[in-house]
PDB file of N, CA and C in Angstrom:
ATOM      1  N   MET A   1       0.931  -1.290   0.103  1.00  0.00           N
ATOM      2  CA  MET A   1      -0.045  -0.024  -0.021  1.00  0.00           C
ATOM      3  C   MET A   1       0.922   1.225  -0.002  1.00  0.00           C
ATOM      4  N   ARG A   2       0.730   2.088  -0.934  1.00  0.00           N
ATOM      5  CA  ARG A   2       1.423   3.393  -0.831  1.00  0.00           C
ATOM      6  C   ARG A   2       0.711   4.674  -0.372  1.00  0.00           C
ATOM      7  N   ALA A   3       1.910   5.251   0.206  1.00  0.00           N
ATOM      8  CA  ALA A   3       1.647   6.284   1.172  1.00  0.00           C
ATOM      9  C   ALA A   3       0.740   7.499   0.625  1.00  0.00           C
ATOM     10  N   ILE A   4      -0.080   8.017   1.315  1.00  0.00           N
ATOM     11  CA  ILE A   4      -0.669   9.318   0.858  1.00  0.00           C
ATOM     12  C   ILE A   4      -0.512  10.515   1.292  1.00  0.00           C
ATOM     13  N   SER A   5      -0.200  11.697   0.963  1.00  0.00           N
ATOM     14  CA  SER A   5       0.046  12.791   1.210  1.00  0.00           C
ATOM     15  C   SER A   5      -0.996  13.382   2.390  1.00  0.00           C
ATOM     16  N   ARG A   6      -0.520  14.315   3.250  1.00  0.00           N
ATOM     17  CA  ARG A   6      -1.767  14.591   4.204  1.00  0.00           C
ATOM     18  C   ARG A   6      -2.554  15.602   3.464  1.00  0.00           C
ATOM     19  N   GLN A   7      -2.020  16.451   2.417  1.00  0.00           N
ATOM     20  CA  GLN A   7      -2.864  17.345   1.487  1.00  0.00           C
ATOM     21  C   GLN A   7      -3.899  16.664   0.726  1.00  0.00           C
ATOM     22  N   ARG A   8      -3.180  15.621   0.077  1.00  0.00           N
ATOM     23  CA  ARG A   8      -4.159  14.596  -0.647  1.00  0.00           C
ATOM     24  C   ARG A   8      -5.488  14.048   0.428  1.00  0.00           C
ATOM     25  N   ARG A   9      -4.998  13.492   1.207  1.00  0.00           N
ATOM     26  CA  ARG A   9      -5.705  12.868   2.093  1.00  0.00           C
ATOM     27  C   ARG A   9      -6.848  13.782   2.681  1.00  0.00           C
ATOM     28  N   ASP A  10      -6.592  15.137   3.021  1.00  0.00           N
ATOM     29  CA  ASP A  10      -7.353  16.280   3.706  1.00  0.00           C
ATOM     30  C   ASP A  10      -8.392  16.596   2.422  1.00  0.00           C
ATOM     31  N   GLU A  11      -8.025  16.686   1.112  1.00  0.00           N
ATOM     32  CA  GLU A  11      -8.943  16.897   0.052  1.00  0.00           C
ATOM     33  C   GLU A  11     -10.012  16.037  -0.157  1.00  0.00           C
ATOM     34  N   VAL A  12      -9.439  14.642  -0.332  1.00  0.00           N
ATOM     35  CA  VAL A  12     -10.688  13.707  -0.380  1.00  0.00           C
ATOM     36  C   VAL A  12     -11.498  13.820   0.664  1.00  0.00           C
ATOM     37  N   VAL A  13     -11.059  13.993   2.046  1.00  0.00           N
ATOM     38  CA  VAL A  13     -11.972  13.645   3.282  1.00  0.00           C
ATOM     39  C   VAL A  13     -13.031  15.157   3.417  1.00  0.00           C
ATOM     40  N   ASP A  14     -12.421  16.051   3.048  1.00  0.00           N
ATOM     41  CA  ASP A  14     -13.055  17.122   2.744  1.00  0.00           C
ATOM     42  C   ASP A  14     -14.378  17.090   1.757  1.00  0.00           C
ATOM     43  N   ALA A  15     -14.196  16.945   0.544  1.00  0.00           N
ATOM     44  CA  ALA A  15     -14.989  16.445  -0.397  1.00  0.00           C
ATOM     45  C   ALA A  15     -16.214  15.458   0.100  1.00  0.00           C
ATOM     46  N   LEU A  16     -15.602  14.272   0.618  1.00  0.00           N
ATOM     47  CA  LEU A  16     -16.599  13.295   1.222  1.00  0.00           C
ATOM     48  C   LEU A  16     -17.440  14.157   2.318  1.00  0.00           C
ATOM     49  N   ARG A  17     -16.835  14.841   3.128  1.00  0.00           N
ATOM     50  CA  ARG A  17     -17.816  15.379   4.094  1.00  0.00           C
ATOM     51  C   ARG A  17     -19.082  16.237   3.400  1.00  0.00           C
ATOM     52  N   ARG A  18     -18.560  16.799   2.394  1.00  0.00           N
ATOM     53  CA  ARG A  18     -19.426  17.676   1.625  1.00  0.00           C
ATOM     54  C   ARG A  18     -20.427  16.934   0.972  1.00  0.00           C
ATOM     55  N   GLY A  19     -20.382  15.651   0.789  1.00  0.00           N
ATOM     56  CA  GLY A  19     -21.059  14.870  -0.154  1.00  0.00           C
ATOM     57  C   GLY A  19     -20.960  14.942  -1.288  1.00  0.00           C
ATOM     58  N   THR A  20     -19.558  15.163  -1.929  1.00  0.00           N
ATOM     59  CA  THR A  20     -19.292  15.339  -3.256  1.00  0.00           C
ATOM     60  C   THR A  20     -18.321  14.313  -3.666  1.00  0.00           C
ATOM     61  N   VAL A  21     -17.880  14.148  -4.709  1.00  0.00           N
ATOM     62  CA  VAL A  21     -16.844  13.437  -5.446  1.00  0.00           C
ATOM     63  C   VAL A  21     -15.636  14.100  -5.533  1.00  0.00           C
ATOM     64  N   PRO A  22     -14.738  13.775  -4.732  1.00  0.00           N
ATOM     65  CA  PRO A  22     -13.627  14.275  -4.876  1.00  0.00           C
ATOM     66  C   PRO A  22     -13.024  14.842  -6.391  1.00  0.00           C
ATOM     67  N   MET A  23     -12.270  16.024  -6.441  1.00  0.00           N
ATOM     68  CA  MET A  23     -12.026  16.441  -7.623  1.00  0.00           C
ATOM     69  C   MET A  23     -10.548  15.694  -8.224  1.00  0.00           C
ATOM     70  N   GLN A  24      -9.677  15.244  -7.079  1.00  0.00           N
ATOM     71  CA  GLN A  24      -8.702  14.662  -7.392  1.00  0.00           C
ATOM     72  C   GLN A  24      -8.628  13.263  -6.805  1.00  0.00           C
ATOM     73  N   SER A  25      -7.707  12.581  -7.191  1.00  0.00           N
ATOM     74  CA  SER A  25      -7.418  11.143  -6.148  1.00  0.00           C
ATOM     75  C   SER A  25      -8.535  10.288  -6.261  1.00  0.00           C
ATOM     76  N   LEU A  26      -9.265  10.151  -7.399  1.00  0.00           N
ATOM     77  CA  LEU A  26     -10.321   9.171  -7.417  1.00  0.00           C
ATOM     78  C   LEU A  26      -9.798   7.742  -7.439  1.00  0.00           C
ATOM     79  N   ASP A  27      -8.443   7.765  -7.979  1.00  0.00           N
ATOM     80  CA  ASP A  27      -7.905   6.419  -8.172  1.00  0.00           C
ATOM     81  C   ASP A  27      -7.842   5.755  -6.911  1.00  0.00           C
ATOM     82  N   LEU A  28      -7.842   6.551  -5.611  1.00  0.00           N
ATOM     83  CA  LEU A  28      -8.063   5.747  -4.186  1.00  0.00           C
ATOM     84  C   LEU A  28      -9.218   5.011  -4.205  1.00  0.00           C
ATOM     85  N   PHE A  29     -10.395   5.443  -4.972  1.00  0.00           N
ATOM     86  CA  PHE A  29     -11.550   4.737  -4.419  1.00  0.00           C
ATOM     87  C   PHE A  29     -12.020   3.833  -5.690  1.00  0.00           C
ATOM     88  N   ALA A  30     -11.633   3.747  -6.713  1.00  0.00           N
ATOM     89  CA  ALA A  30     -11.967   3.054  -7.999  1.00  0.00           C
ATOM     90  C   ALA A  30     -11.755   1.589  -7.808  1.00  0.00           C
ATOM     91  N   VAL A  31     -12.722   1.102  -7.301  1.00  0.00           N
ATOM     92  CA  VAL A  31     -12.978  -0.399  -7.246  1.00  0.00           C
ATOM     93  C   VAL A  31     -14.098  -0.914  -7.969  1.00  0.00           C
ATOM     94  N   GLY A  32     -14.048  -2.012  -8.573  1.00  0.00           N
ATOM     95  CA  GLY A  32     -14.914  -2.734  -9.429  1.00  0.00           C
ATOM     96  C   GLY A  32     -15.331  -2.052 -10.696  1.00  0.00           C
ATOM     97  N   LEU A  33     -14.548  -1.055 -11.042  1.00  0.00           N
ATOM     98  CA  LEU A  33     -14.629  -0.529 -12.662  1.00  0.00           C
ATOM     99  C   LEU A  33     -13.824  -0.672 -13.424  1.00  0.00           C
ATOM    100  N   GLU A  34     -13.072  -2.063 -13.185  1.00  0.00           N
ATOM    101  CA  GLU A  34     -11.905  -2.241 -14.113  1.00  0.00           C
ATOM    102  C   GLU A  34     -12.781  -2.935 -15.305  1.00  0.00           C
ATOM    103  N   GLN A  35     -13.809  -3.264 -15.038  1.00  0.00           N
ATOM    104  CA  GLN A  35     -14.429  -3.823 -16.297  1.00  0.00           C
ATOM    105  C   GLN A  35     -14.851  -2.874 -17.274  1.00  0.00           C
ATOM    106  N   PHE A  36     -15.096  -1.723 -17.156  1.00  0.00           N
ATOM    107  CA  PHE A  36     -15.467  -0.635 -17.769  1.00  0.00           C
ATOM    108  C   PHE A  36     -14.241  -0.089 -18.613  1.00  0.00           C
ATOM    109  N   HIS A  37     -13.056  -0.018 -17.917  1.00  0.00           N
ATOM    110  CA  HIS A  37     -11.840   0.714 -18.391  1.00  0.00           C
ATOM    111  C   HIS A  37     -11.407   0.138 -19.892  1.00  0.00           C
ATOM    112  N   GLY A  38     -11.231  -1.253 -20.507  1.00  0.00           N
ATOM    113  CA  GLY A  38     -11.096  -1.709 -21.356  1.00  0.00           C
ATOM    114  C   GLY A  38     -12.141  -1.280 -22.569  1.00  0.00           C
ATOM    115  N   THR A  39     -13.466  -0.881 -22.413  1.00  0.00           N
ATOM    116  CA  THR A  39     -14.321  -0.581 -23.103  1.00  0.00           C
ATOM    117  C   THR A  39     -14.429   0.911 -23.426  1.00  0.00           C
ATOM    118  N   LEU A  40     -14.047   1.570 -22.400  1.00  0.00           N
ATOM    119  CA  LEU A  40     -13.720   2.826 -22.598  1.00  0.00           C
ATOM    120  C   LEU A  40     -12.554   3.283 -23.684  1.00  0.00           C
ATOM    121  N   THR A  41     -11.589   2.558 -23.289  1.00  0.00           N
ATOM    122  CA  THR A  41     -10.431   2.717 -23.966  1.00  0.00           C
ATOM    123  C   THR A  41     -10.671   2.414 -25.459  1.00  0.00           C
ATOM    124  N   GLU A  42     -11.436   1.223 -25.794  1.00  0.00           N
ATOM    125  CA  GLU A  42     -11.559   0.705 -27.035  1.00  0.00           C
ATOM    126  C   GLU A  42     -12.376   1.971 -27.710  1.00  0.00           C
ATOM    127  N   GLU A  43     -13.353   2.360 -27.101  1.00  0.00           N
ATOM    128  CA  GLU A  43     -14.380   3.539 -27.819  1.00  0.00           C
ATOM    129  C   GLU A  43     -13.504   4.864 -27.969  1.00  0.00           C
ATOM    130  N   LEU A  44     -12.898   4.922 -27.256  1.00  0.00           N
ATOM    131  CA  LEU A  44     -12.068   6.159 -27.426  1.00  0.00           C
ATOM    132  C   LEU A  44     -11.027   6.256 -28.488  1.00  0.00           C
ATOM    133  N   GLU A  45     -10.600   4.865 -28.928  1.00  0.00           N
ATOM    134  CA  GLU A  45      -9.836   4.822 -29.988  1.00  0.00           C
ATOM    135  C   GLU A  45     -10.439   4.767 -31.020  1.00  0.00           C
ATOM    136  N   ALA A  46     -11.560   4.256 -31.202  1.00  0.00           N
ATOM    137  CA  ALA A  46     -12.528   4.360 -32.262  1.00  0.00           C
ATOM    138  C   ALA A  46     -13.032   5.815 -32.605  1.00  0.00           C
ATOM    139  N   VAL A  47     -13.206   6.566 -31.794  1.00  0.00           N
ATOM    140  CA  VAL A  47     -13.649   8.072 -32.041  1.00  0.00           C
ATOM    141  C   VAL A  47     -12.336   8.651 -32.680  1.00  0.00           C
ATOM    142  N   LYS A  48     -11.113   8.320 -31.890  1.00  0.00           N
ATOM    143  CA  LYS A  48      -9.773   8.942 -32.783  1.00  0.00           C
ATOM    144  C   LYS A  48     -10.019   8.452 -34.138  1.00  0.00           C
ATOM    145  N   ALA A  49     -10.131   7.224 -34.367  1.00  0.00           N
ATOM    146  CA  ALA A  49     -10.277   6.963 -35.777  1.00  0.00           C
ATOM    147  C   ALA A  49     -11.426   7.660 -37.045  1.00  0.00           C
ATOM    148  N   GLY A  50     -12.021   8.374 -35.967  1.00  0.00           N
ATOM    149  CA  GLY A  50     -12.960   9.177 -37.115  1.00  0.00           C
ATOM    150  C   GLY A  50     -14.494   8.569 -36.411  1.00  0.00           C
ATOM    151  N   GLY A  51     -14.440   7.545 -35.662  1.00  0.00           N
ATOM    152  CA  GLY A  51     -16.248   7.121 -35.277  1.00  0.00           C
ATOM    153  C   GLY A  51     -16.979   8.194 -34.225  1.00  0.00           C
ATOM    154  N   THR A  52     -17.866   7.622 -33.896  1.00  0.00           N
ATOM    155  CA  THR A  52     -18.715   8.464 -32.937  1.00  0.00           C
ATOM    156  C   THR A  52     -19.233   7.612 -31.829  1.00  0.00           C
ATOM    157  N   LYS A  53     -19.216   8.157 -30.701  1.00  0.00           N
ATOM    158  CA  LYS A  53     -19.993   7.272 -29.347  1.00  0.00           C
ATOM    159  C   LYS A  53     -20.759   8.485 -28.724  1.00  0.00           C
ATOM    160  N   PHE A  54     -21.761   7.731 -27.983  1.00  0.00           N
ATOM    161  CA  PHE A  54     -22.385   8.368 -26.937  1.00  0.00           C
ATOM    162  C   PHE A  54     -22.662   7.347 -25.563  1.00  0.00           C
ATOM    163  N   LYS A  55     -22.498   7.932 -24.809  1.00  0.00           N
ATOM    164  CA  LYS A  55     -22.507   7.054 -23.493  1.00  0.00           C
ATOM    165  C   LYS A  55     -23.805   7.760 -22.365  1.00  0.00           C
ATOM    166  N   ALA A  56     -24.508   6.979 -21.752  1.00  0.00           N
ATOM    167  CA  ALA A  56     -25.227   7.345 -21.111  1.00  0.00           C
ATOM    168  C   ALA A  56     -25.120   6.557 -19.773  1.00  0.00           C
ATOM    169  N   VAL A  57     -25.005   6.874 -18.660  1.00  0.00           N
ATOM    170  CA  VAL A  57     -24.742   6.089 -17.331  1.00  0.00           C
ATOM    171  C   VAL A  57     -26.403   6.001 -16.630  1.00  0.00           C
ATOM    172  N   ARG A  58     -26.744   4.795 -16.429  1.00  0.00           N
ATOM    173  CA  ARG A  58     -28.051   4.706 -15.471  1.00  0.00           C
ATOM    174  C   ARG A  58     -27.909   3.431 -14.651  1.00  0.00           C
ATOM    175  N   GLY A  59     -28.427   3.853 -13.462  1.00  0.00           N
ATOM    176  CA  GLY A  59     -28.358   2.647 -12.415  1.00  0.00           C
ATOM    177  C   GLY A  59     -28.974   3.455 -11.258  1.00  0.00           C
ATOM    178  N   GLU A  60     -29.403   2.170 -10.407  1.00  0.00           N
ATOM    179  CA  GLU A  60     -29.981   2.522  -8.893  1.00  0.00           C
ATOM    180  C   GLU A  60     -28.977   3.595  -8.013  1.00  0.00           C
ATOM    181  N   TYR A  61     -29.663   4.188  -7.015  1.00  0.00           N
ATOM    182  CA  TYR A  61     -29.119   4.764  -6.319  1.00  0.00           C
ATOM    183  C   TYR A  61     -28.044   4.183  -5.350  1.00  0.00           C
ATOM    184  N   GLY A  62     -26.849   4.859  -5.510  1.00  0.00           N
ATOM    185  CA  GLY A  62     -25.592   3.915  -4.785  1.00  0.00           C
ATOM    186  C   GLY A  62     -24.850   3.228  -5.488  1.00  0.00           C
ATOM    187  N   THR A  63     -25.109   3.208  -6.897  1.00  0.00           N
ATOM    188  CA  THR A  63     -24.545   2.084  -7.671  1.00  0.00           C
ATOM    189  C   THR A  63     -23.190   3.012  -8.198  1.00  0.00           C
ATOM    190  N   GLY A  64     -22.831   4.168  -8.062  1.00  0.00           N
ATOM    191  CA  GLY A  64     -21.404   4.728  -8.389  1.00  0.00           C
ATOM    192  C   GLY A  64     -21.458   5.438  -9.653  1.00  0.00           C
ATOM    193  N   LYS A  65     -22.782   5.746 -10.206  1.00  0.00           N
ATOM    194  CA  LYS A  65     -23.077   6.598 -11.516  1.00  0.00           C
ATOM    195  C   LYS A  65     -22.227   8.044 -11.360  1.00  0.00           C
ATOM    196  N   THR A  66     -22.505   8.666 -10.257  1.00  0.00           N
ATOM    197  CA  THR A  66     -21.799   9.932 -10.122  1.00  0.00           C
ATOM    198  C   THR A  66     -20.271   9.948  -9.806  1.00  0.00           C
ATOM    199  N   PHE A  67     -19.654   8.707  -9.181  1.00  0.00           N
ATOM    200  CA  PHE A  67     -18.066   8.555  -9.173  1.00  0.00           C
ATOM    201  C   PHE A  67     -17.714   8.155 -10.559  1.00  0.00           C
ATOM    202  N   PHE A  68     -18.418   7.329 -11.469  1.00  0.00           N
ATOM    203  CA  PHE A  68     -18.004   7.046 -12.673  1.00  0.00           C
ATOM    204  C   PHE A  68     -17.645   8.023 -13.680  1.00  0.00           C
ATOM    205  N   LEU A  69     -18.640   8.898 -13.490  1.00  0.00           N
ATOM    206  CA  LEU A  69     -18.504  10.089 -14.833  1.00  0.00           C
ATOM    207  C   LEU A  69     -17.197  10.834 -14.714  1.00  0.00           C
ATOM    208  N   PRO A  70     -16.755  11.140 -13.491  1.00  0.00           N
ATOM    209  CA  PRO A  70     -15.432  11.994 -13.654  1.00  0.00           C
ATOM    210  C   PRO A  70     -14.179  10.838 -13.838  1.00  0.00           C
ATOM    211  N   LEU A  71     -14.215   9.687 -13.614  1.00  0.00           N
ATOM    212  CA  LEU A  71     -13.510   8.576 -14.332  1.00  0.00           C
ATOM    213  C   LEU A  71     -13.327   8.501 -15.642  1.00  0.00           C
ATOM    214  N   ALA A  72     -14.435   8.578 -16.172  1.00  0.00           N
ATOM    215  CA  ALA A  72     -14.890   8.673 -17.737  1.00  0.00           C
ATOM    216  C   ALA A  72     -14.343   9.517 -18.313  1.00  0.00           C
ATOM    217  N   GLY A  73     -14.682  10.627 -17.635  1.00  0.00           N
ATOM    218  CA  GLY A  73     -14.139  12.278 -18.341  1.00  0.00           C
ATOM    219  C   GLY A  73     -12.616  12.140 -18.370  1.00  0.00           C
ATOM    220  N   ARG A  74     -12.069  11.903 -17.285  1.00  0.00           N
ATOM    221  CA  ARG A  74     -10.748  12.037 -16.999  1.00  0.00           C
ATOM    222  C   ARG A  74      -9.971  11.203 -18.264  1.00  0.00           C
ATOM    223  N   ALA A  75     -10.619   9.995 -18.199  1.00  0.00           N
ATOM    224  CA  ALA A  75     -10.061   9.210 -19.523  1.00  0.00           C
ATOM    225  C   ALA A  75     -10.049   9.835 -20.984  1.00  0.00           C
ATOM    226  N   SER A  76     -11.405  10.426 -21.277  1.00  0.00           N
ATOM    227  CA  SER A  76     -11.481  11.276 -22.338  1.00  0.00           C
ATOM    228  C   SER A  76     -10.194  12.344 -22.649  1.00  0.00           C
ATOM    229  N   GLN A  77     -10.454  13.080 -21.441  1.00  0.00           N
ATOM    230  CA  GLN A  77      -9.618  14.437 -21.365  1.00  0.00           C
ATOM    231  C   GLN A  77      -8.337  13.921 -21.848  1.00  0.00           C
ATOM    232  N   ALA A  78      -7.777  12.522 -21.399  1.00  0.00           N
ATOM    233  CA  ALA A  78      -6.382  12.281 -21.330  1.00  0.00           C
ATOM    234  C   ALA A  78      -5.938  12.111 -22.626  1.00  0.00           C
ATOM    235  N   THR A  79      -6.954  11.898 -23.690  1.00  0.00           N
ATOM    236  CA  THR A  79      -6.698  11.787 -24.922  1.00  0.00           C
ATOM    237  C   THR A  79      -6.967  12.993 -25.802  1.00  0.00           C
ATOM    238  N   TRP A  80      -7.220  14.124 -25.268  1.00  0.00           N
ATOM    239  CA  TRP A  80      -7.779  15.077 -25.752  1.00  0.00           C
ATOM    240  C   TRP A  80      -8.811  15.490 -26.196  1.00  0.00           C
ATOM    241  N   PHE A  81      -9.949  14.679 -25.744  1.00  0.00           N
ATOM    242  CA  PHE A  81     -11.232  14.819 -26.165  1.00  0.00           C
ATOM    243  C   PHE A  81     -11.986  15.807 -24.900  1.00  0.00           C
ATOM    244  N   ARG A  82     -12.907  16.322 -25.450  1.00  0.00           N
ATOM    245  CA  ARG A  82     -14.125  17.152 -24.622  1.00  0.00           C
ATOM    246  C   ARG A  82     -15.041  16.098 -24.271  1.00  0.00           C
ATOM    247  N   ASN A  83     -15.660  16.479 -23.091  1.00  0.00           N
ATOM    248  CA  ASN A  83     -16.787  15.697 -22.797  1.00  0.00           C
ATOM    249  C   ASN A  83     -17.550  16.658 -21.608  1.00  0.00           C
ATOM    250  N   CYS A  84     -18.972  16.143 -21.528  1.00  0.00           N
ATOM    251  CA  CYS A  84     -19.899  16.860 -20.743  1.00  0.00           C
ATOM    252  C   CYS A  84     -20.566  15.771 -19.930  1.00  0.00           C
ATOM    253  N   GLY A  85     -21.122  16.251 -18.512  1.00  0.00           N
ATOM    254  CA  GLY A  85     -22.162  15.179 -17.942  1.00  0.00           C
ATOM    255  C   GLY A  85     -22.845  15.783 -16.981  1.00  0.00           C
ATOM    256  N   SER A  86     -23.895  15.120 -16.700  1.00  0.00           N
ATOM    257  CA  SER A  86     -25.034  15.677 -15.760  1.00  0.00           C
ATOM    258  C   SER A  86     -25.380  14.845 -14.896  1.00  0.00           C
ATOM    259  N   THR A  87     -25.792  15.028 -13.590  1.00  0.00           N
ATOM    260  CA  THR A  87     -26.314  14.114 -12.539  1.00  0.00           C
ATOM    261  C   THR A  87     -27.581  14.745 -12.123  1.00  0.00           C
ATOM    262  N   GLY A  88     -28.305  13.903 -11.597  1.00  0.00           N
ATOM    263  CA  GLY A  88     -29.797  14.275 -11.067  1.00  0.00           C
ATOM    264  C   GLY A  88     -30.909  14.036 -12.060  1.00  0.00           C
ATOM    265  N   LEU A  89     -30.589  13.598 -13.045  1.00  0.00           N
ATOM    266  CA  LEU A  89     -31.755  13.394 -13.949  1.00  0.00           C
ATOM    267  C   LEU A  89     -32.736  12.060 -13.516  1.00  0.00           C
ATOM    268  N   ARG A  90     -33.880  12.241 -13.167  1.00  0.00           N
ATOM    269  CA  ARG A  90     -34.456  11.199 -12.645  1.00  0.00           C
ATOM    270  C   ARG A  90     -35.403  10.410 -13.801  1.00  0.00           C
ATOM    271  N   ASP A  91     -35.737   9.473 -14.009  1.00  0.00           N
ATOM    272  CA  ASP A  91     -36.524   8.657 -14.905  1.00  0.00           C
ATOM    273  C   ASP A  91     -38.036   9.325 -15.266  1.00  0.00           C
ATOM    274  N   ARG A  92     -38.330   9.878 -14.187  1.00  0.00           N
ATOM    275  CA  ARG A  92     -39.787  10.447 -14.392  1.00  0.00           C
ATOM    276  C   ARG A  92     -39.289  11.924 -15.210  1.00  0.00           C
ATOM    277  N   ASP A  93     -38.412  12.323 -14.989  1.00  0.00           N
ATOM    278  CA  ASP A  93     -37.613  13.636 -15.881  1.00  0.00           C
ATOM    279  C   ASP A  93     -37.512  13.369 -17.434  1.00  0.00           C
ATOM    280  N   ALA A  94     -36.857  12.252 -17.510  1.00  0.00           N
ATOM    281  CA  ALA A  94     -36.557  11.509 -18.865  1.00  0.00           C
ATOM    282  C   ALA A  94     -37.755  10.935 -19.485  1.00  0.00           C
ATOM    283  N   SER A  95     -38.544  10.603 -19.032  1.00  0.00           N
ATOM    284  CA  SER A  95     -39.956   9.992 -19.688  1.00  0.00           C
ATOM    285  C   SER A  95     -40.824  11.203 -19.846  1.00  0.00           C
ATOM    286  N   ALA A  96     -40.830  12.258 -19.190  1.00  0.00           N
ATOM    287  CA  ALA A  96     -41.465  13.505 -19.464  1.00  0.00           C
ATOM    288  C   ALA A  96     -41.236  14.248 -20.820  1.00  0.00           C
ATOM    289  N   SER A  97     -39.769  14.289 -20.977  1.00  0.00           N
ATOM    290  CA  SER A  97     -39.381  14.972 -22.101  1.00  0.00           C
ATOM    291  C   SER A  97     -39.406  14.242 -23.523  1.00  0.00           C
ATOM    292  N   ALA A  98     -39.560  12.790 -23.093  1.00  0.00           N
ATOM    293  CA  ALA A  98     -39.465  11.943 -24.430  1.00  0.00           C
ATOM    294  C   ALA A  98     -40.851  11.847 -25.205  1.00  0.00           C
TER     295      ALA A  98
END
């Protein structure tokens, strides 16, 4: 287990106390998301080659959607892509606009 600096630890704890996803150090929490890494990498490569992709993340409360979005966003930014995200859209909100 690697050591974590006091500043990094404090930033993470402060964000969690606010009920938000930490802006940095998400790698400290990324558990169980390995299955998505390969898919994201493949799709980013496909877009680099001229393709297009759209992702929507949906799931029950507490399944990690809000946590996953910044991880996916950082993966796309690392390859010089832009991304956007939104949280808080409820099923009834989505069906009302359909």
